[in-house]
Amino acid sequence: MNSTIFFRSLAAGLLLLSGSFVSCKKDLAGAIQNGVQSEAAVNAAAGITAIKSTWSVNWDNYAHGTTYTSSNAASDFGNVTGWNNSRAYISNGNLRIQLNPNALSAAGGVVANIDVSDGSAYEMDYDIRFHSAFDWSRGGKVGFGFSIGDGNTGGDPAWDGNGGTLRLMWYRNDANRVYFQPYLYYKDQPGQYGDDFGKTYPASGSIQRGTTYHVHLYIKSNSGSSTNGHVQIVINNTVLLDRDIRWTTNDSKRLIRGVTFHTFRGGSQSYWESSTVGYIYYDNLSIHKIN
């Protein structure tokens, strides 16, 4: 090859490479707006697609009796942390979570968190069923939910305005009535732990072992210090909670950033424990980013 042509080709190649590098930097920089870095946007600009915004899972394609591993969870959910292979199984097309005896929180159940594309409004649906011999004990956190900003949980109240969570509990009161109740961390929560707003499902009587309940959740961020966010919980077509809410006051932490999957007994005191193994079943999960 003529040396002049060779060096011209080399220079053109270097220029093209340089342009691609600058373009990549611009894409990444574009993922940061007003000092807020969107994890989903940065990953998308870098070519990473593990963070999802809309998906559904029904577990019908998994063999009965097999372990639902962290790899399976990552395949279905995307970027998931905290999965526990020893407590997740497939049972007749359902995801079965095992709660170990004499153990609370992550030591006895599953405390997993799933990254989702940052958004200001999401909705979710899933089915839940307690095993026919399930010991209610005192109660616990259950099911899928959402985290906002810093995702406050675990007795870390959201009073600083930097985050919150929308989750459910099952609870057995002193009169042996068993029900679902909201469990929310948000800027204006009245106490150190999650707020239940005095709401229960059902309004009277108890939930039943062996019965499938359909849960619908809707969450919308507020803006600034306004109480223009929203939360809705509907179980078996009955509205449990539906109200405006102020999740945060820090606009850089206002977006919904994760899906929680917290299924465990507790509370932290020993009276939340059970001496028996417990099973909770999930099916027909769907998650949809609205904005």
C-alpha atoms as a PDB file:
ATOM      1  CA  MET A   1       0.000   0.000   0.000  1.00  0.00           C
ATOM      2  CA  ASN A   2       1.178   3.537  -0.772  1.00  0.00           C
ATOM      3  CA  SER A   3       2.503   5.060   2.491  1.00  0.00           C
ATOM      4  CA  THR A   4       0.510   8.238   2.000  1.00  0.00           C
ATOM      5  CA  ILE A   5      -2.728   6.265   1.632  1.00  0.00           C
ATOM      6  CA  PHE A   6      -1.817   4.136   4.685  1.00  0.00           C
ATOM      7  CA  PHE A   7      -1.318   7.141   6.968  1.00  0.00           C
ATOM      8  CA  ARG A   8      -4.465   8.826   5.692  1.00  0.00           C
ATOM      9  CA  SER A   9      -6.453   5.642   6.483  1.00  0.00           C
ATOM     10  CA  LEU A  10      -4.860   5.414   9.933  1.00  0.00           C
ATOM     11  CA  ALA A  11      -5.696   9.038  10.709  1.00  0.00           C
ATOM     12  CA  ALA A  12      -9.291   8.564   9.585  1.00  0.00           C
ATOM     13  CA  GLY A  13      -9.629   5.474  11.782  1.00  0.00           C
ATOM     14  CA  LEU A  14      -8.272   7.307  14.818  1.00  0.00           C
ATOM     15  CA  LEU A  15     -10.624  10.202  14.188  1.00  0.00           C
ATOM     16  CA  LEU A  16     -13.593   7.838  13.954  1.00  0.00           C
ATOM     17  CA  LEU A  17     -12.564   6.093  17.189  1.00  0.00           C
ATOM     18  CA  SER A  18     -12.179   9.437  18.937  1.00  0.00           C
ATOM     19  CA  GLY A  19     -15.618  10.519  17.766  1.00  0.00           C
ATOM     20  CA  SER A  20     -17.176   7.315  19.061  1.00  0.00           C
ATOM     21  CA  PHE A  21     -15.510   7.823  22.445  1.00  0.00           C
ATOM     22  CA  VAL A  22     -16.748  11.387  22.703  1.00  0.00           C
ATOM     23  CA  SER A  23     -20.248  10.268  21.670  1.00  0.00           C
ATOM     24  CA  CYS A  24     -20.223   7.612  24.389  1.00  0.00           C
ATOM     25  CA  LYS A  25     -19.170  10.187  26.974  1.00  0.00           C
ATOM     26  CA  LYS A  26     -21.974  12.465  25.829  1.00  0.00           C
ATOM     27  CA  ASP A  27     -24.494   9.611  26.145  1.00  0.00           C
ATOM     28  CA  LEU A  28     -23.363   8.915  29.693  1.00  0.00           C
ATOM     29  CA  ALA A  29     -23.363  12.581  30.564  1.00  0.00           C
ATOM     30  CA  GLY A  30     -26.883  12.821  29.205  1.00  0.00           C
ATOM     31  CA  ALA A  31     -27.965  10.276  31.771  1.00  0.00           C
ATOM     32  CA  ILE A  32     -27.222  12.811  34.517  1.00  0.00           C
ATOM     33  CA  GLN A  33     -29.697  15.660  34.742  1.00  0.00           C
ATOM     34  CA  ASN A  34     -29.925  18.372  37.376  1.00  0.00           C
ATOM     35  CA  GLY A  35     -27.341  16.542  39.441  1.00  0.00           C
ATOM     36  CA  VAL A  36     -29.455  13.361  39.612  1.00  0.00           C
ATOM     37  CA  GLN A  37     -27.956  10.221  38.141  1.00  0.00           C
ATOM     38  CA  SER A  38     -30.515   7.764  36.774  1.00  0.00           C
ATOM     39  CA  GLU A  39     -29.131   4.266  37.232  1.00  0.00           C
ATOM     40  CA  ALA A  40     -31.272   2.899  34.427  1.00  0.00           C
ATOM     41  CA  ALA A  41     -30.203   5.677  32.039  1.00  0.00           C
ATOM     42  CA  VAL A  42     -26.507   5.246  32.803  1.00  0.00           C
ATOM     43  CA  ASN A  43     -26.742   1.492  32.325  1.00  0.00           C
ATOM     44  CA  ALA A  44     -28.673   1.911  29.097  1.00  0.00           C
ATOM     45  CA  ALA A  45     -26.051   4.342  27.772  1.00  0.00           C
ATOM     46  CA  ALA A  46     -23.351   1.815  28.671  1.00  0.00           C
ATOM     47  CA  GLY A  47     -25.182  -0.976  26.886  1.00  0.00           C
ATOM     48  CA  ILE A  48     -26.427  -2.779  30.012  1.00  0.00           C
ATOM     49  CA  THR A  49     -30.043  -3.974  29.776  1.00  0.00           C
ATOM     50  CA  ALA A  50     -30.529  -5.870  33.061  1.00  0.00           C
ATOM     51  CA  ILE A  51     -32.720  -3.158  34.589  1.00  0.00           C
ATOM     52  CA  LYS A  52     -36.327  -3.570  33.534  1.00  0.00           C
ATOM     53  CA  SER A  53     -39.402  -1.370  33.599  1.00  0.00           C
ATOM     54  CA  THR A  54     -42.199  -3.719  32.517  1.00  0.00           C
ATOM     55  CA  TRP A  55     -42.370  -7.493  32.773  1.00  0.00           C
ATOM     56  CA  SER A  56     -44.486 -10.437  33.909  1.00  0.00           C
ATOM     57  CA  VAL A  57     -43.679 -13.830  35.430  1.00  0.00           C
ATOM     58  CA  ASN A  58     -45.978 -16.794  36.131  1.00  0.00           C
ATOM     59  CA  TRP A  59     -43.402 -19.586  36.751  1.00  0.00           C
ATOM     60  CA  ASP A  60     -45.356 -22.077  34.601  1.00  0.00           C
ATOM     61  CA  ASN A  61     -42.279 -22.988  32.561  1.00  0.00           C
ATOM     62  CA  TYR A  62     -40.290 -24.244  35.559  1.00  0.00           C
ATOM     63  CA  ALA A  63     -40.346 -27.887  36.638  1.00  0.00           C
ATOM     64  CA  HIS A  64     -42.252 -28.696  39.811  1.00  0.00           C
ATOM     65  CA  GLY A  65     -40.040 -29.280  42.857  1.00  0.00           C
ATOM     66  CA  THR A  66     -36.961 -27.489  41.525  1.00  0.00           C
ATOM     67  CA  THR A  67     -35.032 -24.743  43.262  1.00  0.00           C
ATOM     68  CA  TYR A  68     -35.697 -21.243  41.969  1.00  0.00           C
ATOM     69  CA  THR A  69     -32.136 -19.992  41.984  1.00  0.00           C
ATOM     70  CA  SER A  70     -30.652 -16.512  41.967  1.00  0.00           C
ATOM     71  CA  SER A  71     -29.841 -17.114  38.281  1.00  0.00           C
ATOM     72  CA  ASN A  72     -33.511 -17.878  37.609  1.00  0.00           C
ATOM     73  CA  ALA A  73     -34.520 -14.750  39.498  1.00  0.00           C
ATOM     74  CA  ALA A  74     -32.037 -12.642  37.535  1.00  0.00           C
ATOM     75  CA  SER A  75     -33.381 -14.053  34.283  1.00  0.00           C
ATOM     76  CA  ASP A  76     -36.967 -13.209  35.234  1.00  0.00           C
ATOM     77  CA  PHE A  77     -36.498  -9.981  37.200  1.00  0.00           C
ATOM     78  CA  GLY A  78     -33.250  -8.461  35.951  1.00  0.00           C
ATOM     79  CA  ASN A  79     -30.810  -7.034  38.490  1.00  0.00           C
ATOM     80  CA  VAL A  80     -31.802  -8.674  41.788  1.00  0.00           C
ATOM     81  CA  THR A  81     -29.868  -8.778  45.073  1.00  0.00           C
ATOM     82  CA  GLY A  82     -30.421 -10.699  48.302  1.00  0.00           C
ATOM     83  CA  TRP A  83     -31.924 -13.830  46.736  1.00  0.00           C
ATOM     84  CA  ASN A  84     -31.772 -16.995  48.866  1.00  0.00           C
ATOM     85  CA  ASN A  85     -31.604 -20.222  46.855  1.00  0.00           C
ATOM     86  CA  SER A  86     -32.335 -22.421  49.850  1.00  0.00           C
ATOM     87  CA  ARG A  87     -35.781 -20.890  50.463  1.00  0.00           C
ATOM     88  CA  ALA A  88     -37.224 -20.529  46.958  1.00  0.00           C
ATOM     89  CA  TYR A  89     -38.824 -23.434  45.066  1.00  0.00           C
ATOM     90  CA  ILE A  90     -41.231 -24.079  42.237  1.00  0.00           C
ATOM     91  CA  SER A  91     -44.517 -25.706  43.254  1.00  0.00           C
ATOM     92  CA  ASN A  92     -47.037 -26.475  40.503  1.00  0.00           C
ATOM     93  CA  GLY A  93     -46.283 -23.321  38.562  1.00  0.00           C
ATOM     94  CA  ASN A  94     -46.031 -21.114  41.664  1.00  0.00           C
ATOM     95  CA  LEU A  95     -43.037 -19.560  43.381  1.00  0.00           C
ATOM     96  CA  ARG A  96     -42.967 -21.070  46.885  1.00  0.00           C
ATOM     97  CA  ILE A  97     -41.046 -19.220  49.599  1.00  0.00           C
ATOM     98  CA  GLN A  98     -40.042 -21.102  52.727  1.00  0.00           C
ATOM     99  CA  LEU A  99     -40.021 -19.409  56.129  1.00  0.00           C
ATOM    100  CA  ASN A 100     -37.693 -21.222  58.504  1.00  0.00           C
ATOM    101  CA  PRO A 101     -38.661 -21.955  62.121  1.00  0.00           C
ATOM    102  CA  ASN A 102     -37.399 -19.848  65.032  1.00  0.00           C
ATOM    103  CA  ALA A 103     -35.957 -17.195  62.716  1.00  0.00           C
ATOM    104  CA  LEU A 104     -36.907 -13.664  61.745  1.00  0.00           C
ATOM    105  CA  SER A 105     -36.239 -11.291  58.854  1.00  0.00           C
ATOM    106  CA  ALA A 106     -33.602 -12.368  56.306  1.00  0.00           C
ATOM    107  CA  ALA A 107     -32.386 -15.137  58.637  1.00  0.00           C
ATOM    108  CA  GLY A 108     -35.664 -16.976  58.114  1.00  0.00           C
ATOM    109  CA  GLY A 109     -37.109 -15.760  54.812  1.00  0.00           C
ATOM    110  CA  VAL A 110     -36.199 -13.814  51.699  1.00  0.00           C
ATOM    111  CA  VAL A 111     -35.260 -10.127  51.604  1.00  0.00           C
ATOM    112  CA  ALA A 112     -34.563  -9.415  47.941  1.00  0.00           C
ATOM    113  CA  ASN A 113     -34.488  -6.140  46.038  1.00  0.00           C
ATOM    114  CA  ILE A 114     -34.874  -5.643  42.294  1.00  0.00           C
ATOM    115  CA  ASP A 115     -33.594  -2.648  40.341  1.00  0.00           C
ATOM    116  CA  VAL A 116     -36.139  -1.103  38.013  1.00  0.00           C
ATOM    117  CA  SER A 117     -35.913   1.734  35.552  1.00  0.00           C
ATOM    118  CA  ASP A 118     -36.297   4.965  37.528  1.00  0.00           C
ATOM    119  CA  GLY A 119     -39.837   6.253  37.204  1.00  0.00           C
ATOM    120  CA  SER A 120     -42.442   8.513  38.768  1.00  0.00           C
ATOM    121  CA  ALA A 121     -45.354   6.053  38.550  1.00  0.00           C
ATOM    122  CA  TYR A 122     -45.586   2.254  38.581  1.00  0.00           C
ATOM    123  CA  GLU A 123     -48.260  -0.377  39.050  1.00  0.00           C
ATOM    124  CA  MET A 124     -48.043  -4.035  40.020  1.00  0.00           C
ATOM    125  CA  ASP A 125     -50.253  -7.115  40.285  1.00  0.00           C
ATOM    126  CA  TYR A 126     -49.623 -10.527  41.820  1.00  0.00           C
ATOM    127  CA  ASP A 127     -51.383 -13.454  43.495  1.00  0.00           C
ATOM    128  CA  ILE A 128     -50.523 -14.729  46.972  1.00  0.00           C
ATOM    129  CA  ARG A 129     -51.589 -17.782  48.969  1.00  0.00           C
ATOM    130  CA  PHE A 130     -50.629 -19.122  52.407  1.00  0.00           C
ATOM    131  CA  HIS A 131     -50.138 -22.875  52.807  1.00  0.00           C
ATOM    132  CA  SER A 132     -53.074 -24.799  54.298  1.00  0.00           C
ATOM    133  CA  ALA A 133     -51.099 -25.460  57.511  1.00  0.00           C
ATOM    134  CA  PHE A 134     -49.396 -22.053  57.745  1.00  0.00           C
ATOM    135  CA  ASP A 135     -48.750 -20.802  61.308  1.00  0.00           C
ATOM    136  CA  TRP A 136     -49.733 -17.125  61.396  1.00  0.00           C
ATOM    137  CA  SER A 137     -47.554 -16.414  64.462  1.00  0.00           C
ATOM    138  CA  ARG A 138     -47.724 -12.635  65.010  1.00  0.00           C
ATOM    139  CA  GLY A 139     -47.172 -11.640  61.381  1.00  0.00           C
ATOM    140  CA  GLY A 140     -44.544 -10.465  58.947  1.00  0.00           C
ATOM    141  CA  LYS A 141     -43.684  -8.644  55.751  1.00  0.00           C
ATOM    142  CA  VAL A 142     -45.068 -10.252  52.653  1.00  0.00           C
ATOM    143  CA  GLY A 143     -45.085  -9.958  48.884  1.00  0.00           C
ATOM    144  CA  PHE A 144     -43.761  -7.543  46.317  1.00  0.00           C
ATOM    145  CA  GLY A 145     -43.637  -3.781  46.816  1.00  0.00           C
ATOM    146  CA  PHE A 146     -41.840  -0.611  45.731  1.00  0.00           C
ATOM    147  CA  SER A 147     -38.950   1.488  47.007  1.00  0.00           C
ATOM    148  CA  ILE A 148     -38.468   5.202  46.404  1.00  0.00           C
ATOM    149  CA  GLY A 149     -35.149   7.035  46.625  1.00  0.00           C
ATOM    150  CA  ASP A 150     -33.164   5.584  49.518  1.00  0.00           C
ATOM    151  CA  GLY A 151     -35.873   2.969  50.144  1.00  0.00           C
ATOM    152  CA  ASN A 152     -36.221   3.371  53.909  1.00  0.00           C
ATOM    153  CA  THR A 153     -37.093   0.219  55.882  1.00  0.00           C
ATOM    154  CA  GLY A 154     -36.105  -1.537  59.105  1.00  0.00           C
ATOM    155  CA  GLY A 155     -36.984   1.154  61.634  1.00  0.00           C
ATOM    156  CA  ASP A 156     -35.185   3.884  59.692  1.00  0.00           C
ATOM    157  CA  PRO A 157     -38.029   6.418  59.385  1.00  0.00           C
ATOM    158  CA  ALA A 158     -38.279   8.453  56.195  1.00  0.00           C
ATOM    159  CA  TRP A 159     -38.421  11.787  57.999  1.00  0.00           C
ATOM    160  CA  ASP A 160     -35.335  13.123  56.186  1.00  0.00           C
ATOM    161  CA  GLY A 161     -37.351  13.170  52.958  1.00  0.00           C
ATOM    162  CA  ASN A 162     -34.867  11.019  51.035  1.00  0.00           C
ATOM    163  CA  GLY A 163     -36.889   7.879  50.402  1.00  0.00           C
ATOM    164  CA  GLY A 164     -39.641   5.481  51.323  1.00  0.00           C
ATOM    165  CA  THR A 165     -41.233   2.081  50.685  1.00  0.00           C
ATOM    166  CA  LEU A 166     -44.643   0.633  49.892  1.00  0.00           C
ATOM    167  CA  ARG A 167     -45.053  -2.892  51.280  1.00  0.00           C
ATOM    168  CA  LEU A 168     -47.668  -5.219  52.801  1.00  0.00           C
ATOM    169  CA  MET A 169     -47.806  -7.178  56.038  1.00  0.00           C
ATOM    170  CA  TRP A 170     -49.910 -10.015  57.308  1.00  0.00           C
ATOM    171  CA  TYR A 171     -50.750  -9.569  60.983  1.00  0.00           C
ATOM    172  CA  ARG A 172     -52.544 -11.492  63.748  1.00  0.00           C
ATOM    173  CA  ASN A 173     -53.904  -9.212  66.482  1.00  0.00           C
ATOM    174  CA  ASP A 174     -54.623 -10.020  70.120  1.00  0.00           C
ATOM    175  CA  ALA A 175     -58.127 -11.141  69.226  1.00  0.00           C
ATOM    176  CA  ASN A 176     -56.626 -13.752  66.829  1.00  0.00           C
ATOM    177  CA  ARG A 177     -57.933 -11.896  63.798  1.00  0.00           C
ATOM    178  CA  VAL A 178     -55.545 -12.246  60.814  1.00  0.00           C
ATOM    179  CA  TYR A 179     -55.419  -9.703  58.015  1.00  0.00           C
ATOM    180  CA  PHE A 180     -53.330  -7.838  55.466  1.00  0.00           C
ATOM    181  CA  GLN A 181     -52.351  -4.284  56.326  1.00  0.00           C
ATOM    182  CA  PRO A 182     -50.396  -1.535  54.547  1.00  0.00           C
ATOM    183  CA  TYR A 183     -46.834  -0.934  55.679  1.00  0.00           C
ATOM    184  CA  LEU A 184     -45.449   2.375  54.380  1.00  0.00           C
ATOM    185  CA  TYR A 185     -42.354   4.427  55.067  1.00  0.00           C
ATOM    186  CA  TYR A 186     -42.779   8.045  53.881  1.00  0.00           C
ATOM    187  CA  LYS A 187     -41.859  11.618  54.840  1.00  0.00           C
ATOM    188  CA  ASP A 188     -44.836  12.206  57.133  1.00  0.00           C
ATOM    189  CA  GLN A 189     -45.042   8.785  58.804  1.00  0.00           C
ATOM    190  CA  PRO A 190     -46.149   9.263  62.405  1.00  0.00           C
ATOM    191  CA  GLY A 191     -43.844   6.703  64.047  1.00  0.00           C
ATOM    192  CA  GLN A 192     -40.471   5.030  63.662  1.00  0.00           C
ATOM    193  CA  TYR A 193     -41.882   1.991  61.891  1.00  0.00           C
ATOM    194  CA  GLY A 194     -44.132   1.574  58.850  1.00  0.00           C
ATOM    195  CA  ASP A 195     -47.567   3.195  58.902  1.00  0.00           C
ATOM    196  CA  ASP A 196     -50.643   0.986  58.474  1.00  0.00           C
ATOM    197  CA  PHE A 197     -53.134   3.913  58.424  1.00  0.00           C
ATOM    198  CA  GLY A 198     -55.468   1.818  60.584  1.00  0.00           C
ATOM    199  CA  LYS A 199     -56.525  -0.153  57.487  1.00  0.00           C
ATOM    200  CA  THR A 200     -57.055  -3.914  57.242  1.00  0.00           C
ATOM    201  CA  TYR A 201     -58.126  -6.435  54.647  1.00  0.00           C
ATOM    202  CA  PRO A 202     -60.634  -7.792  55.213  1.00  0.00           C
ATOM    203  CA  ALA A 203     -62.315  -4.974  57.158  1.00  0.00           C
ATOM    204  CA  SER A 204     -63.667  -7.646  59.505  1.00  0.00           C
ATOM    205  CA  GLY A 205     -62.909 -11.317  59.891  1.00  0.00           C
ATOM    206  CA  SER A 206     -59.679 -12.954  58.758  1.00  0.00           C
ATOM    207  CA  ILE A 207     -57.775 -13.975  55.670  1.00  0.00           C
ATOM    208  CA  GLN A 208     -57.764 -17.734  55.106  1.00  0.00           C
ATOM    209  CA  ARG A 209     -55.077 -20.324  54.555  1.00  0.00           C
ATOM    210  CA  GLY A 210     -55.236 -21.979  51.142  1.00  0.00           C
ATOM    211  CA  THR A 211     -57.092 -19.037  49.567  1.00  0.00           C
ATOM    212  CA  THR A 212     -55.571 -17.056  46.700  1.00  0.00           C
ATOM    213  CA  TYR A 213     -55.602 -13.266  47.062  1.00  0.00           C
ATOM    214  CA  HIS A 214     -54.967 -10.886  44.187  1.00  0.00           C
ATOM    215  CA  VAL A 215     -52.952  -7.779  45.085  1.00  0.00           C
ATOM    216  CA  HIS A 216     -52.820  -4.595  43.019  1.00  0.00           C
ATOM    217  CA  LEU A 217     -50.409  -1.771  43.921  1.00  0.00           C
ATOM    218  CA  TYR A 218     -50.141   1.691  42.384  1.00  0.00           C
ATOM    219  CA  ILE A 219     -47.512   4.241  43.366  1.00  0.00           C
ATOM    220  CA  LYS A 220     -46.807   7.777  42.157  1.00  0.00           C
ATOM    221  CA  SER A 221     -43.994  10.060  43.291  1.00  0.00           C
ATOM    222  CA  ASN A 222     -44.686  13.498  44.654  1.00  0.00           C
ATOM    223  CA  SER A 223     -42.761  16.562  43.498  1.00  0.00           C
ATOM    224  CA  GLY A 224     -40.806  18.927  45.740  1.00  0.00           C
ATOM    225  CA  SER A 225     -42.519  19.211  49.120  1.00  0.00           C
ATOM    226  CA  SER A 226     -45.999  18.767  47.707  1.00  0.00           C
ATOM    227  CA  THR A 227     -48.411  16.068  48.816  1.00  0.00           C
ATOM    228  CA  ASN A 228     -49.195  15.173  45.213  1.00  0.00           C
ATOM    229  CA  GLY A 229     -47.873  11.638  45.263  1.00  0.00           C
ATOM    230  CA  HIS A 230     -50.287   8.746  45.493  1.00  0.00           C
ATOM    231  CA  VAL A 231     -50.621   5.212  46.817  1.00  0.00           C
ATOM    232  CA  GLN A 232     -53.285   2.630  46.119  1.00  0.00           C
ATOM    233  CA  ILE A 233     -53.596  -0.932  47.429  1.00  0.00           C
ATOM    234  CA  VAL A 234     -56.439  -3.127  46.180  1.00  0.00           C
ATOM    235  CA  ILE A 235     -56.923  -6.743  47.314  1.00  0.00           C
ATOM    236  CA  ASN A 236     -59.492  -8.967  45.591  1.00  0.00           C
ATOM    237  CA  ASN A 237     -61.073  -5.833  44.071  1.00  0.00           C
ATOM    238  CA  THR A 238     -61.497  -4.244  47.520  1.00  0.00           C
ATOM    239  CA  VAL A 239     -59.690  -0.950  48.100  1.00  0.00           C
ATOM    240  CA  LEU A 240     -57.464  -1.201  51.162  1.00  0.00           C
ATOM    241  CA  LEU A 241     -55.713   2.169  50.791  1.00  0.00           C
ATOM    242  CA  ASP A 242     -56.162   4.982  48.273  1.00  0.00           C
ATOM    243  CA  ARG A 243     -54.755   8.402  49.148  1.00  0.00           C
ATOM    244  CA  ASP A 244     -52.437  11.249  48.228  1.00  0.00           C
ATOM    245  CA  ILE A 245     -49.099  11.166  49.992  1.00  0.00           C
ATOM    246  CA  ARG A 246     -45.802  12.985  50.372  1.00  0.00           C
ATOM    247  CA  TRP A 247     -43.138  10.327  49.956  1.00  0.00           C
ATOM    248  CA  THR A 248     -40.095  12.622  49.845  1.00  0.00           C
ATOM    249  CA  THR A 249     -39.041  16.265  49.987  1.00  0.00           C
ATOM    250  CA  ASN A 250     -35.699  15.824  48.213  1.00  0.00           C
ATOM    251  CA  ASP A 251     -36.421  16.017  44.482  1.00  0.00           C
ATOM    252  CA  SER A 252     -33.198  14.152  43.677  1.00  0.00           C
ATOM    253  CA  LYS A 253     -34.585  11.146  45.601  1.00  0.00           C
ATOM    254  CA  ARG A 254     -38.215  11.301  44.462  1.00  0.00           C
ATOM    255  CA  LEU A 255     -38.202   8.538  41.846  1.00  0.00           C
ATOM    256  CA  ILE A 256     -39.254   4.912  42.241  1.00  0.00           C
ATOM    257  CA  ARG A 257     -36.033   2.932  41.863  1.00  0.00           C
ATOM    258  CA  GLY A 258     -36.759  -0.586  43.000  1.00  0.00           C
ATOM    259  CA  VAL A 259     -39.167  -3.441  43.557  1.00  0.00           C
ATOM    260  CA  THR A 260     -38.971  -5.104  46.953  1.00  0.00           C
ATOM    261  CA  PHE A 261     -39.587  -8.799  47.551  1.00  0.00           C
ATOM    262  CA  HIS A 262     -39.625  -9.103  51.341  1.00  0.00           C
ATOM    263  CA  THR A 263     -41.187 -12.282  52.717  1.00  0.00           C
ATOM    264  CA  PHE A 264     -40.330 -13.073  56.328  1.00  0.00           C
ATOM    265  CA  ARG A 265     -41.642 -13.220  59.884  1.00  0.00           C
ATOM    266  CA  GLY A 266     -41.110 -10.135  62.019  1.00  0.00           C
ATOM    267  CA  GLY A 267     -40.674  -7.672  63.697  1.00  0.00           C
ATOM    268  CA  SER A 268     -37.621  -8.314  65.745  1.00  0.00           C
ATOM    269  CA  GLN A 269     -38.958  -9.663  69.051  1.00  0.00           C
ATOM    270  CA  SER A 270     -39.137 -13.403  69.629  1.00  0.00           C
ATOM    271  CA  TYR A 271     -42.951 -13.450  69.729  1.00  0.00           C
ATOM    272  CA  TRP A 272     -42.942 -12.960  65.940  1.00  0.00           C
ATOM    273  CA  GLU A 273     -41.259 -16.345  65.521  1.00  0.00           C
ATOM    274  CA  SER A 274     -42.857 -19.687  64.719  1.00  0.00           C
ATOM    275  CA  SER A 275     -41.630 -23.152  65.679  1.00  0.00           C
ATOM    276  CA  THR A 276     -42.736 -24.560  62.319  1.00  0.00           C
ATOM    277  CA  VAL A 277     -41.702 -24.242  58.685  1.00  0.00           C
ATOM    278  CA  GLY A 278     -44.099 -22.046  56.702  1.00  0.00           C
ATOM    279  CA  TYR A 279     -44.805 -21.747  52.965  1.00  0.00           C
ATOM    280  CA  ILE A 280     -46.172 -18.791  50.993  1.00  0.00           C
ATOM    281  CA  TYR A 281     -46.958 -19.063  47.275  1.00  0.00           C
ATOM    282  CA  TYR A 282     -46.794 -16.375  44.572  1.00  0.00           C
ATOM    283  CA  ASP A 283     -48.044 -16.337  41.001  1.00  0.00           C
ATOM    284  CA  ASN A 284     -48.955 -14.093  38.051  1.00  0.00           C
ATOM    285  CA  LEU A 285     -46.616 -11.212  38.824  1.00  0.00           C
ATOM    286  CA  SER A 286     -46.761  -8.221  36.492  1.00  0.00           C
ATOM    287  CA  ILE A 287     -44.991  -4.891  36.855  1.00  0.00           C
ATOM    288  CA  HIS A 288     -45.577  -1.883  34.623  1.00  0.00           C
ATOM    289  CA  LYS A 289     -43.862   1.488  34.499  1.00  0.00           C
ATOM    290  CA  ILE A 290     -46.426   4.205  33.752  1.00  0.00           C
ATOM    291  CA  ASN A 291     -44.160   7.269  33.783  1.00  0.00           C
END
